[in-house]
Amino acid sequence: MSTAAELRARAAELENRVPPVTAGPRTDDERMWLEKATALRAEADRLDESETADRTTEK
């Protein structure tokens, strides 16, 4: 299982593959990379939330 930091790093890698919007219309691959990056960031957020909840219930 990946950590939140690893998921965010992978999302950043995918986003860096995509050229700026001014470079022209997005290809299907570029859209897919951005969608995957969004999903990875959402998963990282869920992991952060569950870790925070775990720490508060341990006290």
PDB file of N, CA and C in Angstrom:
ATOM      1  N   MET A   1       0.842  -1.184   0.000  1.00  0.00           N
ATOM      2  CA  MET A   1       0.000   0.000   0.000  1.00  0.00           C
ATOM      3  C   MET A   1       0.885   1.245   0.000  1.00  0.00           C
ATOM      4  N   SER A   2       0.548   2.213  -0.793  1.00  0.00           N
ATOM      5  CA  SER A   2       1.330   3.437  -0.910  1.00  0.00           C
ATOM      6  C   SER A   2       0.942   4.440   0.167  1.00  0.00           C
ATOM      7  N   THR A   3       1.896   5.290   0.492  1.00  0.00           N
ATOM      8  CA  THR A   3       1.605   6.355   1.443  1.00  0.00           C
ATOM      9  C   THR A   3       0.998   7.537   0.693  1.00  0.00           C
ATOM     10  N   ALA A   4       0.430   8.461   1.441  1.00  0.00           N
ATOM     11  CA  ALA A   4      -0.169   9.650   0.825  1.00  0.00           C
ATOM     12  C   ALA A   4       0.879  10.437   0.059  1.00  0.00           C
ATOM     13  N   ALA A   5       2.079  10.538   0.608  1.00  0.00           N
ATOM     14  CA  ALA A   5       3.153  11.284  -0.070  1.00  0.00           C
ATOM     15  C   ALA A   5       3.537  10.614  -1.392  1.00  0.00           C
ATOM     16  N   GLU A   6       3.590   9.284  -1.404  1.00  0.00           N
ATOM     17  CA  GLU A   6       3.911   8.565  -2.642  1.00  0.00           C
ATOM     18  C   GLU A   6       2.829   8.768  -3.694  1.00  0.00           C
ATOM     19  N   LEU A   7       1.573   8.737  -3.268  1.00  0.00           N
ATOM     20  CA  LEU A   7       0.467   8.948  -4.202  1.00  0.00           C
ATOM     21  C   LEU A   7       0.518  10.352  -4.797  1.00  0.00           C
ATOM     22  N   ARG A   8       0.816  11.339  -3.952  1.00  0.00           N
ATOM     23  CA  ARG A   8       0.902  12.721  -4.450  1.00  0.00           C
ATOM     24  C   ARG A   8       2.092  12.905  -5.399  1.00  0.00           C
ATOM     25  N   ALA A   9       3.198  12.226  -5.109  1.00  0.00           N
ATOM     26  CA  ALA A   9       4.360  12.293  -5.990  1.00  0.00           C
ATOM     27  C   ALA A   9       4.032  11.689  -7.356  1.00  0.00           C
ATOM     28  N   ARG A  10       3.324  10.564  -7.358  1.00  0.00           N
ATOM     29  CA  ARG A  10       2.909   9.931  -8.620  1.00  0.00           C
ATOM     30  C   ARG A  10       1.951  10.837  -9.387  1.00  0.00           C
ATOM     31  N   ALA A  11       1.047  11.499  -8.676  1.00  0.00           N
ATOM     32  CA  ALA A  11       0.117  12.430  -9.320  1.00  0.00           C
ATOM     33  C   ALA A  11       0.886  13.576  -9.969  1.00  0.00           C
ATOM     34  N   ALA A  12       1.882  14.092  -9.283  1.00  0.00           N
ATOM     35  CA  ALA A  12       2.689  15.185  -9.830  1.00  0.00           C
ATOM     36  C   ALA A  12       3.439  14.731 -11.083  1.00  0.00           C
ATOM     37  N   GLU A  13       3.950  13.494 -11.072  1.00  0.00           N
ATOM     38  CA  GLU A  13       4.631  12.957 -12.255  1.00  0.00           C
ATOM     39  C   GLU A  13       3.695  12.919 -13.453  1.00  0.00           C
ATOM     40  N   LEU A  14       2.475  12.452 -13.222  1.00  0.00           N
ATOM     41  CA  LEU A  14       1.496  12.391 -14.311  1.00  0.00           C
ATOM     42  C   LEU A  14       1.148  13.780 -14.821  1.00  0.00           C
ATOM     43  N   GLU A  15       0.956  14.724 -13.900  1.00  0.00           N
ATOM     44  CA  GLU A  15       0.619  16.092 -14.307  1.00  0.00           C
ATOM     45  C   GLU A  15       1.752  16.744 -15.091  1.00  0.00           C
ATOM     46  N   ASN A  16       2.989  16.391 -14.748  1.00  0.00           N
ATOM     47  CA  ASN A  16       4.136  16.970 -15.452  1.00  0.00           C
ATOM     48  C   ASN A  16       4.273  16.448 -16.874  1.00  0.00           C
ATOM     49  N   ARG A  17       3.636  15.334 -17.188  1.00  0.00           N
ATOM     50  CA  ARG A  17       3.650  14.803 -18.559  1.00  0.00           C
ATOM     51  C   ARG A  17       2.808  15.658 -19.503  1.00  0.00           C
ATOM     52  N   VAL A  18       1.868  16.387 -18.947  1.00  0.00           N
ATOM     53  CA  VAL A  18       0.894  17.119 -19.750  1.00  0.00           C
ATOM     54  C   VAL A  18       1.426  18.530 -20.047  1.00  0.00           C
ATOM     55  N   PRO A  19       1.482  18.883 -21.337  1.00  0.00           N
ATOM     56  CA  PRO A  19       1.931  20.234 -21.674  1.00  0.00           C
ATOM     57  C   PRO A  19       0.906  21.281 -21.243  1.00  0.00           C
ATOM     58  N   PRO A  20       1.323  22.548 -21.167  1.00  0.00           N
ATOM     59  CA  PRO A  20       0.390  23.608 -20.772  1.00  0.00           C
ATOM     60  C   PRO A  20      -0.810  23.693 -21.732  1.00  0.00           C
ATOM     61  N   VAL A  21      -1.885  24.252 -21.236  1.00  0.00           N
ATOM     62  CA  VAL A  21      -3.107  24.387 -22.036  1.00  0.00           C
ATOM     63  C   VAL A  21      -2.834  25.190 -23.313  1.00  0.00           C
ATOM     64  N   THR A  22      -1.924  26.128 -23.238  1.00  0.00           N
ATOM     65  CA  THR A  22      -1.624  26.972 -24.402  1.00  0.00           C
ATOM     66  C   THR A  22      -0.960  26.183 -25.534  1.00  0.00           C
ATOM     67  N   ALA A  23      -0.565  24.927 -25.268  1.00  0.00           N
ATOM     68  CA  ALA A  23       0.074  24.104 -26.284  1.00  0.00           C
ATOM     69  C   ALA A  23      -0.935  23.495 -27.259  1.00  0.00           C
ATOM     70  N   GLY A  24      -2.208  23.647 -26.952  1.00  0.00           N
ATOM     71  CA  GLY A  24      -3.230  23.117 -27.855  1.00  0.00           C
ATOM     72  C   GLY A  24      -4.171  22.180 -27.133  1.00  0.00           C
ATOM     73  N   PRO A  25      -5.087  21.593 -27.897  1.00  0.00           N
ATOM     74  CA  PRO A  25      -6.083  20.700 -27.290  1.00  0.00           C
ATOM     75  C   PRO A  25      -5.421  19.479 -26.642  1.00  0.00           C
ATOM     76  N   ARG A  26      -6.054  18.982 -25.600  1.00  0.00           N
ATOM     77  CA  ARG A  26      -5.550  17.803 -24.892  1.00  0.00           C
ATOM     78  C   ARG A  26      -5.800  16.537 -25.724  1.00  0.00           C
ATOM     79  N   THR A  27      -4.839  15.637 -25.672  1.00  0.00           N
ATOM     80  CA  THR A  27      -5.041  14.326 -26.294  1.00  0.00           C
ATOM     81  C   THR A  27      -5.787  13.437 -25.298  1.00  0.00           C
ATOM     82  N   ASP A  28      -6.237  12.293 -25.771  1.00  0.00           N
ATOM     83  CA  ASP A  28      -6.910  11.342 -24.877  1.00  0.00           C
ATOM     84  C   ASP A  28      -5.970  10.891 -23.769  1.00  0.00           C
ATOM     85  N   ASP A  29      -4.708  10.644 -24.100  1.00  0.00           N
ATOM     86  CA  ASP A  29      -3.733  10.236 -23.085  1.00  0.00           C
ATOM     87  C   ASP A  29      -3.549  11.316 -22.034  1.00  0.00           C
ATOM     88  N   GLU A  30      -3.442  12.557 -22.460  1.00  0.00           N
ATOM     89  CA  GLU A  30      -3.252  13.658 -21.513  1.00  0.00           C
ATOM     90  C   GLU A  30      -4.447  13.786 -20.574  1.00  0.00           C
ATOM     91  N   ARG A  31      -5.645  13.651 -21.115  1.00  0.00           N
ATOM     92  CA  ARG A  31      -6.841  13.694 -20.267  1.00  0.00           C
ATOM     93  C   ARG A  31      -6.835  12.533 -19.273  1.00  0.00           C
ATOM     94  N   MET A  32      -6.430  11.364 -19.745  1.00  0.00           N
ATOM     95  CA  MET A  32      -6.378  10.186 -18.877  1.00  0.00           C
ATOM     96  C   MET A  32      -5.362  10.414 -17.750  1.00  0.00           C
ATOM     97  N   TRP A  33      -4.199  10.979 -18.065  1.00  0.00           N
ATOM     98  CA  TRP A  33      -3.181  11.238 -17.036  1.00  0.00           C
ATOM     99  C   TRP A  33      -3.709  12.204 -15.983  1.00  0.00           C
ATOM    100  N   LEU A  34      -4.411  13.242 -16.434  1.00  0.00           N
ATOM    101  CA  LEU A  34      -4.950  14.220 -15.486  1.00  0.00           C
ATOM    102  C   LEU A  34      -6.048  13.602 -14.614  1.00  0.00           C
ATOM    103  N   GLU A  35      -6.884  12.758 -15.208  1.00  0.00           N
ATOM    104  CA  GLU A  35      -7.919  12.079 -14.431  1.00  0.00           C
ATOM    105  C   GLU A  35      -7.297  11.137 -13.403  1.00  0.00           C
ATOM    106  N   LYS A  36      -6.250  10.423 -13.805  1.00  0.00           N
ATOM    107  CA  LYS A  36      -5.563   9.507 -12.884  1.00  0.00           C
ATOM    108  C   LYS A  36      -4.905  10.304 -11.756  1.00  0.00           C
ATOM    109  N   ALA A  37      -4.296  11.443 -12.091  1.00  0.00           N
ATOM    110  CA  ALA A  37      -3.666  12.291 -11.073  1.00  0.00           C
ATOM    111  C   ALA A  37      -4.703  12.774 -10.063  1.00  0.00           C
ATOM    112  N   THR A  38      -5.872  13.154 -10.542  1.00  0.00           N
ATOM    113  CA  THR A  38      -6.948  13.592  -9.654  1.00  0.00           C
ATOM    114  C   THR A  38      -7.382  12.458  -8.729  1.00  0.00           C
ATOM    115  N   ALA A  39      -7.498  11.256  -9.278  1.00  0.00           N
ATOM    116  CA  ALA A  39      -7.884  10.102  -8.477  1.00  0.00           C
ATOM    117  C   ALA A  39      -6.814   9.774  -7.432  1.00  0.00           C
ATOM    118  N   LEU A  40      -5.544   9.883  -7.811  1.00  0.00           N
ATOM    119  CA  LEU A  40      -4.463   9.612  -6.858  1.00  0.00           C
ATOM    120  C   LEU A  40      -4.468  10.630  -5.721  1.00  0.00           C
ATOM    121  N   ARG A  41      -4.700  11.894  -6.049  1.00  0.00           N
ATOM    122  CA  ARG A  41      -4.753  12.931  -5.006  1.00  0.00           C
ATOM    123  C   ARG A  41      -5.944  12.693  -4.062  1.00  0.00           C
ATOM    124  N   ALA A  42      -7.071  12.263  -4.613  1.00  0.00           N
ATOM    125  CA  ALA A  42      -8.241  11.972  -3.782  1.00  0.00           C
ATOM    126  C   ALA A  42      -7.941  10.799  -2.846  1.00  0.00           C
ATOM    127  N   GLU A  43      -7.263   9.786  -3.359  1.00  0.00           N
ATOM    128  CA  GLU A  43      -6.888   8.644  -2.522  1.00  0.00           C
ATOM    129  C   GLU A  43      -5.914   9.072  -1.429  1.00  0.00           C
ATOM    130  N   ALA A  44      -4.979   9.948  -1.761  1.00  0.00           N
ATOM    131  CA  ALA A  44      -4.033  10.461  -0.758  1.00  0.00           C
ATOM    132  C   ALA A  44      -4.776  11.231   0.329  1.00  0.00           C
ATOM    133  N   ASP A  45      -5.767  12.013  -0.068  1.00  0.00           N
ATOM    134  CA  ASP A  45      -6.571  12.754   0.910  1.00  0.00           C
ATOM    135  C   ASP A  45      -7.321  11.798   1.832  1.00  0.00           C
ATOM    136  N   ARG A  46      -7.878  10.717   1.261  1.00  0.00           N
ATOM    137  CA  ARG A  46      -8.585   9.727   2.072  1.00  0.00           C
ATOM    138  C   ARG A  46      -7.634   9.052   3.059  1.00  0.00           C
ATOM    139  N   LEU A  47      -6.424   8.749   2.611  1.00  0.00           N
ATOM    140  CA  LEU A  47      -5.438   8.149   3.519  1.00  0.00           C
ATOM    141  C   LEU A  47      -5.097   9.105   4.652  1.00  0.00           C
ATOM    142  N   ASP A  48      -4.899  10.383   4.326  1.00  0.00           N
ATOM    143  CA  ASP A  48      -4.616  11.384   5.361  1.00  0.00           C
ATOM    144  C   ASP A  48      -5.743  11.462   6.376  1.00  0.00           C
ATOM    145  N   GLU A  49      -6.982  11.467   5.881  1.00  0.00           N
ATOM    146  CA  GLU A  49      -8.139  11.550   6.772  1.00  0.00           C
ATOM    147  C   GLU A  49      -8.230  10.323   7.675  1.00  0.00           C
ATOM    148  N   SER A  50      -7.974   9.140   7.112  1.00  0.00           N
ATOM    149  CA  SER A  50      -8.068   7.925   7.924  1.00  0.00           C
ATOM    150  C   SER A  50      -6.937   7.877   8.950  1.00  0.00           C
ATOM    151  N   GLU A  51      -5.750   8.349   8.590  1.00  0.00           N
ATOM    152  CA  GLU A  51      -4.642   8.391   9.547  1.00  0.00           C
ATOM    153  C   GLU A  51      -4.947   9.367  10.682  1.00  0.00           C
ATOM    154  N   THR A  52      -5.540  10.489  10.336  1.00  0.00           N
ATOM    155  CA  THR A  52      -5.907  11.494  11.354  1.00  0.00           C
ATOM    156  C   THR A  52      -6.975  10.900  12.275  1.00  0.00           C
ATOM    157  N   ALA A  53      -7.950  10.229  11.709  1.00  0.00           N
ATOM    158  CA  ALA A  53      -9.007   9.617  12.516  1.00  0.00           C
ATOM    159  C   ALA A  53      -8.430   8.525  13.407  1.00  0.00           C
ATOM    160  N   ASP A  54      -7.489   7.753  12.880  1.00  0.00           N
ATOM    161  CA  ASP A  54      -6.861   6.696  13.684  1.00  0.00           C
ATOM    162  C   ASP A  54      -6.118   7.290  14.876  1.00  0.00           C
ATOM    163  N   ARG A  55      -5.416   8.395  14.651  1.00  0.00           N
ATOM    164  CA  ARG A  55      -4.654   9.017  15.732  1.00  0.00           C
ATOM    165  C   ARG A  55      -5.572   9.594  16.812  1.00  0.00           C
ATOM    166  N   THR A  56      -6.714  10.127  16.419  1.00  0.00           N
ATOM    167  CA  THR A  56      -7.614  10.696  17.410  1.00  0.00           C
ATOM    168  C   THR A  56      -8.330   9.612  18.216  1.00  0.00           C
ATOM    169  N   THR A  57      -8.579   8.470  17.617  1.00  0.00           N
ATOM    170  CA  THR A  57      -9.251   7.398  18.348  1.00  0.00           C
ATOM    171  C   THR A  57      -8.287   6.610  19.235  1.00  0.00           C
ATOM    172  N   GLU A  58      -6.987   6.722  18.984  1.00  0.00           N
ATOM    173  CA  GLU A  58      -6.003   5.991  19.789  1.00  0.00           C
ATOM    174  C   GLU A  58      -5.818   6.624  21.170  1.00  0.00           C
ATOM    175  N   LYS A  59      -6.153   7.881  21.342  1.00  0.00           N
ATOM    176  CA  LYS A  59      -5.911   8.576  22.605  1.00  0.00           C
ATOM    177  C   LYS A  59      -6.817   8.118  23.705  1.00  0.00           C
TER     178      LYS A  59
END
